[in-house]
């Protein structure tokens, strides 16, 4: 069990070391958590924020896994490899836009938006 946890942690650390977008998402997470504490959001709002943050981070990790796997098996440009990478990146975009929407619904009224 500990070996599997270490492998998972190694994957997260790989993402943090190699993917600037993961670092950006983590910075956004810290900002959202800080805003949540500052505005004293309700428990159900914490749940919504936690779910959306988790989805974005997981999508970024899956995107990285797809990119690394495709790079391993594809030594040259292939249109299907490009499509797979674009779709994985699109999944990150979808989750990030959803997270922005949730943040808007929660923080917008508190900011007078």
N, C-alpha and C. Protein backbone atom coordinates (compact mmCIF):
# COMPACT_ATOMS: atom_id res chain seq x y z
N UNK A 1 0.82 -1.19 0.00
CA UNK A 1 0.00 0.00 0.00
C UNK A 1 0.87 1.26 0.00
N UNK A 2 1.90 1.26 0.82
CA UNK A 2 2.79 2.42 0.89
C UNK A 2 3.51 2.64 -0.43
N UNK A 3 3.85 1.56 -1.12
CA UNK A 3 4.52 1.67 -2.42
C UNK A 3 3.60 2.36 -3.42
N UNK A 4 2.32 2.01 -3.41
CA UNK A 4 1.36 2.62 -4.33
C UNK A 4 1.16 4.10 -4.01
N UNK A 5 1.13 4.42 -2.73
CA UNK A 5 0.99 5.82 -2.33
C UNK A 5 2.20 6.62 -2.79
N UNK A 6 3.39 6.05 -2.63
CA UNK A 6 4.61 6.73 -3.07
C UNK A 6 4.60 6.95 -4.59
N UNK A 7 4.12 5.95 -5.33
CA UNK A 7 4.04 6.09 -6.78
C UNK A 7 3.07 7.20 -7.16
N UNK A 8 1.94 7.25 -6.48
CA UNK A 8 0.96 8.31 -6.75
C UNK A 8 1.54 9.68 -6.42
N UNK A 9 2.21 9.78 -5.30
CA UNK A 9 2.85 11.04 -4.91
C UNK A 9 3.92 11.44 -5.92
N UNK A 10 4.66 10.46 -6.43
CA UNK A 10 5.67 10.74 -7.45
C UNK A 10 5.01 11.31 -8.71
N UNK A 11 3.84 10.81 -9.05
CA UNK A 11 3.11 11.33 -10.20
C UNK A 11 2.69 12.77 -10.00
N UNK A 12 2.19 13.07 -8.81
CA UNK A 12 1.78 14.45 -8.51
C UNK A 12 3.00 15.37 -8.55
N UNK A 13 4.10 14.94 -7.96
CA UNK A 13 5.31 15.75 -7.96
C UNK A 13 5.85 15.95 -9.38
N UNK A 14 5.74 14.92 -10.23
CA UNK A 14 6.16 15.06 -11.62
C UNK A 14 5.34 16.16 -12.29
N UNK A 15 4.04 16.14 -12.07
CA UNK A 15 3.18 17.18 -12.65
C UNK A 15 3.60 18.56 -12.18
N UNK A 16 3.88 18.68 -10.90
CA UNK A 16 4.27 19.98 -10.35
C UNK A 16 5.62 20.46 -10.91
N UNK A 17 6.54 19.53 -11.13
CA UNK A 17 7.87 19.89 -11.63
C UNK A 17 7.87 20.21 -13.12
N UNK A 18 6.97 19.60 -13.87
CA UNK A 18 7.06 19.70 -15.33
C UNK A 18 5.91 20.46 -15.99
N UNK A 19 4.84 20.69 -15.29
CA UNK A 19 3.65 21.30 -15.90
C UNK A 19 3.34 22.64 -15.25
N UNK A 20 3.64 23.71 -15.94
CA UNK A 20 3.38 25.04 -15.40
C UNK A 20 1.90 25.25 -15.11
N UNK A 21 1.04 24.63 -15.92
CA UNK A 21 -0.39 24.78 -15.69
C UNK A 21 -0.82 24.18 -14.35
N UNK A 22 -0.16 23.12 -13.93
CA UNK A 22 -0.48 22.53 -12.62
C UNK A 22 -0.12 23.52 -11.52
N UNK A 23 1.00 24.18 -11.67
CA UNK A 23 1.41 25.18 -10.68
C UNK A 23 0.41 26.34 -10.66
N UNK A 24 -0.04 26.76 -11.84
CA UNK A 24 -1.04 27.83 -11.93
C UNK A 24 -2.33 27.41 -11.25
N UNK A 25 -2.76 26.17 -11.50
CA UNK A 25 -3.99 25.67 -10.87
C UNK A 25 -3.84 25.63 -9.35
N UNK A 26 -2.68 25.23 -8.87
CA UNK A 26 -2.45 25.20 -7.42
C UNK A 26 -2.46 26.61 -6.84
N UNK A 27 -1.90 27.56 -7.55
CA UNK A 27 -1.93 28.95 -7.07
C UNK A 27 -3.37 29.45 -7.01
N UNK A 28 -4.16 29.10 -8.02
CA UNK A 28 -5.58 29.48 -8.01
C UNK A 28 -6.30 28.82 -6.84
N UNK A 29 -5.95 27.56 -6.56
CA UNK A 29 -6.55 26.85 -5.43
C UNK A 29 -6.27 27.59 -4.12
N UNK A 30 -5.03 28.00 -3.93
CA UNK A 30 -4.66 28.72 -2.71
C UNK A 30 -5.45 30.03 -2.62
N UNK A 31 -5.58 30.73 -3.73
CA UNK A 31 -6.34 31.99 -3.75
C UNK A 31 -7.81 31.74 -3.41
N UNK A 32 -8.38 30.69 -3.96
CA UNK A 32 -9.79 30.38 -3.70
C UNK A 32 -10.00 29.99 -2.24
N UNK A 33 -9.10 29.19 -1.70
CA UNK A 33 -9.20 28.81 -0.29
C UNK A 33 -9.09 30.06 0.59
N UNK A 34 -8.16 30.93 0.27
CA UNK A 34 -8.03 32.18 1.02
C UNK A 34 -9.29 33.03 0.94
N UNK A 35 -9.85 33.13 -0.26
CA UNK A 35 -11.09 33.90 -0.43
C UNK A 35 -12.24 33.25 0.34
N UNK A 36 -12.27 31.92 0.33
CA UNK A 36 -13.31 31.22 1.08
C UNK A 36 -13.25 31.51 2.56
N UNK A 37 -12.05 31.51 3.10
CA UNK A 37 -11.89 31.83 4.53
C UNK A 37 -12.24 33.30 4.79
N UNK A 38 -11.77 34.17 3.92
CA UNK A 38 -12.03 35.60 4.10
C UNK A 38 -13.53 35.90 4.08
N UNK A 39 -14.23 35.32 3.11
CA UNK A 39 -15.67 35.58 2.97
C UNK A 39 -16.54 34.64 3.80
N UNK A 40 -15.92 33.74 4.54
CA UNK A 40 -16.63 32.80 5.42
C UNK A 40 -17.75 32.08 4.66
N UNK A 41 -17.35 31.38 3.59
CA UNK A 41 -18.34 30.68 2.78
C UNK A 41 -18.99 29.56 3.60
N UNK A 42 -20.19 29.21 3.19
CA UNK A 42 -20.98 28.19 3.87
C UNK A 42 -20.40 26.80 3.59
N UNK A 43 -20.72 25.81 4.43
CA UNK A 43 -20.19 24.45 4.21
C UNK A 43 -20.52 23.89 2.82
N UNK A 44 -21.74 24.10 2.33
CA UNK A 44 -22.08 23.57 1.01
C UNK A 44 -21.25 24.25 -0.08
N UNK A 45 -20.87 25.51 0.15
CA UNK A 45 -20.03 26.21 -0.82
C UNK A 45 -18.61 25.63 -0.80
N UNK A 46 -18.13 25.26 0.39
CA UNK A 46 -16.82 24.59 0.49
C UNK A 46 -16.85 23.28 -0.28
N UNK A 47 -17.96 22.57 -0.20
CA UNK A 47 -18.08 21.30 -0.93
C UNK A 47 -17.97 21.56 -2.43
N UNK A 48 -18.71 22.55 -2.92
CA UNK A 48 -18.67 22.87 -4.35
C UNK A 48 -17.26 23.29 -4.77
N UNK A 49 -16.62 24.12 -3.98
CA UNK A 49 -15.25 24.56 -4.30
C UNK A 49 -14.27 23.39 -4.29
N UNK A 50 -14.40 22.52 -3.29
CA UNK A 50 -13.51 21.37 -3.19
C UNK A 50 -13.67 20.44 -4.38
N UNK A 51 -14.91 20.18 -4.77
CA UNK A 51 -15.15 19.29 -5.91
C UNK A 51 -14.57 19.90 -7.18
N UNK A 52 -14.81 21.17 -7.42
CA UNK A 52 -14.32 21.76 -8.66
C UNK A 52 -12.80 21.86 -8.68
N UNK A 53 -12.19 22.20 -7.56
CA UNK A 53 -10.73 22.24 -7.49
C UNK A 53 -10.15 20.86 -7.76
N UNK A 54 -10.73 19.85 -7.14
CA UNK A 54 -10.26 18.48 -7.33
C UNK A 54 -10.39 18.04 -8.78
N UNK A 55 -11.51 18.38 -9.41
CA UNK A 55 -11.70 18.02 -10.81
C UNK A 55 -10.66 18.67 -11.71
N UNK A 56 -10.37 19.93 -11.48
CA UNK A 56 -9.37 20.62 -12.31
C UNK A 56 -7.99 19.99 -12.14
N UNK A 57 -7.59 19.75 -10.90
CA UNK A 57 -6.27 19.16 -10.66
C UNK A 57 -6.18 17.75 -11.24
N UNK A 58 -7.24 16.97 -11.09
CA UNK A 58 -7.24 15.61 -11.64
C UNK A 58 -7.21 15.66 -13.17
N UNK A 59 -7.97 16.57 -13.77
CA UNK A 59 -7.96 16.69 -15.23
C UNK A 59 -6.57 17.06 -15.73
N UNK A 60 -5.90 17.95 -15.03
CA UNK A 60 -4.54 18.33 -15.43
C UNK A 60 -3.59 17.14 -15.31
N UNK A 61 -3.75 16.34 -14.28
CA UNK A 61 -2.92 15.15 -14.12
C UNK A 61 -3.19 14.14 -15.24
N UNK A 62 -4.47 13.92 -15.56
CA UNK A 62 -4.80 13.01 -16.67
C UNK A 62 -4.25 13.55 -17.99
N UNK A 63 -4.34 14.85 -18.19
CA UNK A 63 -3.80 15.45 -19.40
C UNK A 63 -2.30 15.19 -19.51
N UNK A 64 -1.60 15.34 -18.41
CA UNK A 64 -0.16 15.07 -18.40
C UNK A 64 0.11 13.61 -18.72
N UNK A 65 -0.67 12.71 -18.13
CA UNK A 65 -0.48 11.28 -18.40
C UNK A 65 -0.71 10.96 -19.87
N UNK A 66 -1.73 11.55 -20.47
CA UNK A 66 -2.00 11.33 -21.89
C UNK A 66 -0.84 11.85 -22.73
N UNK A 67 -0.38 13.06 -22.44
CA UNK A 67 0.72 13.64 -23.22
C UNK A 67 1.99 12.80 -23.12
N UNK A 68 2.34 12.38 -21.91
CA UNK A 68 3.56 11.59 -21.72
C UNK A 68 3.45 10.25 -22.43
N UNK A 69 2.29 9.62 -22.33
CA UNK A 69 2.09 8.32 -22.99
C UNK A 69 2.18 8.45 -24.51
N UNK A 70 1.56 9.48 -25.05
CA UNK A 70 1.62 9.68 -26.50
C UNK A 70 3.05 9.98 -26.94
N UNK A 71 3.75 10.79 -26.17
CA UNK A 71 5.15 11.08 -26.52
C UNK A 71 6.02 9.83 -26.47
N UNK A 72 5.70 8.92 -25.56
CA UNK A 72 6.45 7.67 -25.45
C UNK A 72 6.28 6.81 -26.70
N UNK A 73 5.06 6.73 -27.21
CA UNK A 73 4.76 5.83 -28.31
C UNK A 73 4.82 6.47 -29.68
N UNK A 74 4.90 7.78 -29.75
CA UNK A 74 4.91 8.47 -31.03
C UNK A 74 6.21 9.24 -31.17
N UNK A 75 7.06 8.78 -32.03
CA UNK A 75 8.34 9.46 -32.23
C UNK A 75 8.25 10.63 -33.18
N UNK A 76 7.14 10.76 -33.88
CA UNK A 76 6.99 11.85 -34.83
C UNK A 76 5.55 12.36 -34.78
N UNK A 77 5.29 13.43 -35.51
CA UNK A 77 3.95 14.00 -35.51
C UNK A 77 2.97 13.03 -36.14
N UNK A 78 1.82 12.90 -35.51
CA UNK A 78 0.72 12.12 -36.07
C UNK A 78 -0.57 12.86 -35.75
N UNK A 79 -1.46 13.01 -36.73
CA UNK A 79 -2.68 13.78 -36.48
C UNK A 79 -3.54 13.20 -35.35
N UNK A 80 -3.57 11.89 -35.21
CA UNK A 80 -4.36 11.29 -34.13
C UNK A 80 -3.74 11.57 -32.77
N UNK A 81 -2.42 11.62 -32.72
CA UNK A 81 -1.75 11.97 -31.46
C UNK A 81 -2.09 13.41 -31.09
N UNK A 82 -2.09 14.29 -32.06
CA UNK A 82 -2.46 15.69 -31.82
C UNK A 82 -3.90 15.80 -31.31
N UNK A 83 -4.80 15.03 -31.92
CA UNK A 83 -6.20 15.06 -31.50
C UNK A 83 -6.33 14.57 -30.06
N UNK A 84 -5.65 13.49 -29.73
CA UNK A 84 -5.72 12.96 -28.36
C UNK A 84 -5.22 13.99 -27.35
N UNK A 85 -4.11 14.64 -27.68
CA UNK A 85 -3.58 15.67 -26.78
C UNK A 85 -4.53 16.86 -26.67
N UNK A 86 -5.11 17.26 -27.79
CA UNK A 86 -6.05 18.38 -27.77
C UNK A 86 -7.31 18.06 -26.97
N UNK A 87 -7.80 16.84 -27.11
CA UNK A 87 -8.99 16.44 -26.35
C UNK A 87 -8.69 16.43 -24.85
N UNK A 88 -7.53 15.90 -24.48
CA UNK A 88 -7.15 15.89 -23.06
C UNK A 88 -7.02 17.32 -22.53
N UNK A 89 -6.43 18.20 -23.31
CA UNK A 89 -6.32 19.60 -22.90
C UNK A 89 -7.70 20.25 -22.84
N UNK A 90 -8.57 19.86 -23.75
CA UNK A 90 -9.94 20.37 -23.72
C UNK A 90 -10.68 19.97 -22.46
N UNK A 91 -10.41 18.77 -21.96
CA UNK A 91 -11.03 18.34 -20.71
C UNK A 91 -10.60 19.24 -19.56
N UNK A 92 -9.33 19.63 -19.56
CA UNK A 92 -8.85 20.56 -18.53
C UNK A 92 -9.58 21.90 -18.66
N UNK A 93 -9.71 22.37 -19.88
CA UNK A 93 -10.40 23.64 -20.12
C UNK A 93 -11.84 23.58 -19.62
N UNK A 94 -12.54 22.49 -19.91
CA UNK A 94 -13.92 22.34 -19.47
C UNK A 94 -14.02 22.40 -17.95
N UNK A 95 -13.15 21.66 -17.26
CA UNK A 95 -13.21 21.67 -15.79
C UNK A 95 -12.82 23.03 -15.23
N UNK A 96 -11.85 23.69 -15.85
CA UNK A 96 -11.43 25.01 -15.37
C UNK A 96 -12.55 26.03 -15.56
N UNK A 97 -13.23 25.98 -16.69
CA UNK A 97 -14.36 26.90 -16.90
C UNK A 97 -15.48 26.63 -15.90
N UNK A 98 -15.72 25.35 -15.61
CA UNK A 98 -16.71 25.01 -14.59
C UNK A 98 -16.32 25.54 -13.23
N UNK A 99 -15.03 25.46 -12.91
CA UNK A 99 -14.55 25.97 -11.63
C UNK A 99 -14.70 27.49 -11.56
N UNK A 100 -14.45 28.17 -12.67
CA UNK A 100 -14.63 29.62 -12.70
C UNK A 100 -16.11 29.96 -12.49
N UNK A 101 -17.00 29.20 -13.11
CA UNK A 101 -18.43 29.44 -12.93
C UNK A 101 -18.84 29.26 -11.47
N UNK A 102 -18.38 28.18 -10.85
CA UNK A 102 -18.70 27.94 -9.44
C UNK A 102 -18.16 29.08 -8.58
N UNK A 103 -16.93 29.49 -8.84
CA UNK A 103 -16.34 30.59 -8.07
C UNK A 103 -17.15 31.88 -8.27
N UNK A 104 -17.61 32.11 -9.48
CA UNK A 104 -18.43 33.30 -9.74
C UNK A 104 -19.73 33.26 -8.95
N UNK A 105 -20.38 32.11 -8.94
CA UNK A 105 -21.65 31.99 -8.21
C UNK A 105 -21.45 32.18 -6.71
N UNK A 106 -20.32 31.71 -6.20
CA UNK A 106 -20.07 31.80 -4.76
C UNK A 106 -19.52 33.17 -4.37
N UNK A 107 -18.54 33.66 -5.11
CA UNK A 107 -17.88 34.91 -4.71
C UNK A 107 -18.45 36.15 -5.39
N UNK A 108 -19.10 35.98 -6.52
CA UNK A 108 -19.65 37.13 -7.25
C UNK A 108 -20.54 38.02 -6.39
N UNK A 109 -21.56 37.47 -5.74
CA UNK A 109 -22.41 38.32 -4.90
C UNK A 109 -21.65 39.01 -3.77
N UNK A 110 -20.65 38.33 -3.24
CA UNK A 110 -19.86 38.91 -2.15
C UNK A 110 -18.97 40.05 -2.64
N UNK A 111 -18.67 40.02 -3.94
CA UNK A 111 -17.84 41.06 -4.54
C UNK A 111 -18.68 42.12 -5.27
N UNK A 112 -19.98 41.98 -5.18
CA UNK A 112 -20.87 42.92 -5.84
C UNK A 112 -20.95 42.74 -7.35
N UNK A 113 -20.69 41.52 -7.81
CA UNK A 113 -20.75 41.24 -9.26
C UNK A 113 -22.09 40.66 -9.65
